[in-house]
Amino acid sequence: MRKFFFSFFLSAITLTVISQPLSEEVMDFGTNPGNLSLFYYVPKNIKENAPMVVVLHGCGQGATAAAELTGWNKLADEYGFYVMYPQQHFPNNPQHCFNWFKNNEIERGKGECESIKQMVDYMLKKFKVDNKNIFITGMSAGAAMSVVMIATQPGMFKAAAIFAGGPYKPGSNIFSSSGSMVWGVNKTPEEWGDLVWRQNPAFKSKYPRVIIFHGTKDPVVNFRSANEIVEQWTYLHQADSVPTKTDSVYLGAPDVTRFAYNNKEKEEAVVFYKVKDLGHAIPVNPGECANEGGKTGIFATDKSFYSTFYTACEFGLVPDWRIQGPKEIIPGTNVKFSIPTVGIKKAYINTWKFPSDCKVVGDDNGTTLELIWGKTKGNVTLEEMAPNGCRYYHSIISVETKDN
């Protein structure tokens, strides 16, 4: 098998010194069977019982590179959460990749995945981390190991964001696993789900929510891998196998389509961001606005969509992002939509958008919208325009009509 398979997750990038320095390296967080290092970032004046995001680097990277590439520390300062950065060691993998393809590293209680679990336990003891709001994300090899973590420790994580990764255990050994990411592999949803179930046969709780980002022109990880992740985790969530909701040109980004897959409780269990013409990279949107960030380069492409920020939104770390309101409405009835007042700032111009046959009633103060709903289904959205020209978009509510 070609050497390419052992380096295909290469994500090295030239970086400047990060403005928010990480902790010193920690090695005594537990028995550490995977021989990994722990770094972390704690914002100043962080509140008690704060959430935490675990960020896994790609090949050729380390904790510092992952912090600079993603911008998670800046968001942690803004919204108040911890960030934890596991780091691979050269002796484990010369390409500095997490060994997501080695069975002795990805089985529950073993190797690298056990080391990462012990790191989370260490952070829970050392800081007042909210154990019900722990999230994990990664790019490439880090994405694949993020899937390993939610497969082996599903009760530890609330959600995961997977950037150009693959499903849990795509092959039975290092060669088949690596090859499957390049050429793609097809299993039934039941087969995919069984691989996860065997790690935790006694697990009866809700599996972590899964958010997937993948480019249609990824030359490194086959685009089919994203569909296989969808199949694996919709099956585990007992969710719809076809999208419940599709939003193209999502939040104004022309190349981004968001697919949502609902479970039986009508909750979004799996979300897939399909990014047109994106290679093996994360989508970024360089700029100075709060919802802009990232730098273009080999592994970061300007798609007018700052994926780290919207990952934080999906995790619920950005409190003013989601619009509250009904998703099923009887035509002709009064309905109200709103966002938390923390999201509204003075001198901002707020524009609500809704189907044309709806009628506005009451006063629109920017934070709420009251309508008499018309006869047609449609979307409700809110855009904020700041005095400096920055535009901020809130989540989209898709409303269905129903009979009396």
Foldseek 3Di string as FASTA:
>chain_A
DDPCLQQLQDDADDDDFDPQDKDPWDDVLDPQQQRKIKIKGFAPPADFQAAEEEEEEIFPDFQRVRCGQQVVNVLCNVQHHMYMTIFADCVSGVRRFQCLFAPQCLAAPGHVLVNVVSVVVSCVVVGRYNQQQYEYEYARSSLSVSLSNLLQCQVRHQEYEHHLYAARPCDDGSVNVSVCQQVNDDDALVVSQVVSCVRPVPDDDAGHAYEYEYECAANRGHPVRLLNNLSNQCVSLQWDSAFPDKDACPPVQNQWIKGFIAHPVRDGRYIYIYGYPDYSADEAADDDDPQHDGDDDPRYYHRNGSVSSVVCVVSCSPQFFAKDWDQEEAQQDKTKIFTPPVPDDPPKDKDKDDDPQWAWDDDCPRGMTIIRHHDAWAKIWMWIAHPVGDIDTHDIRTHHYDHD
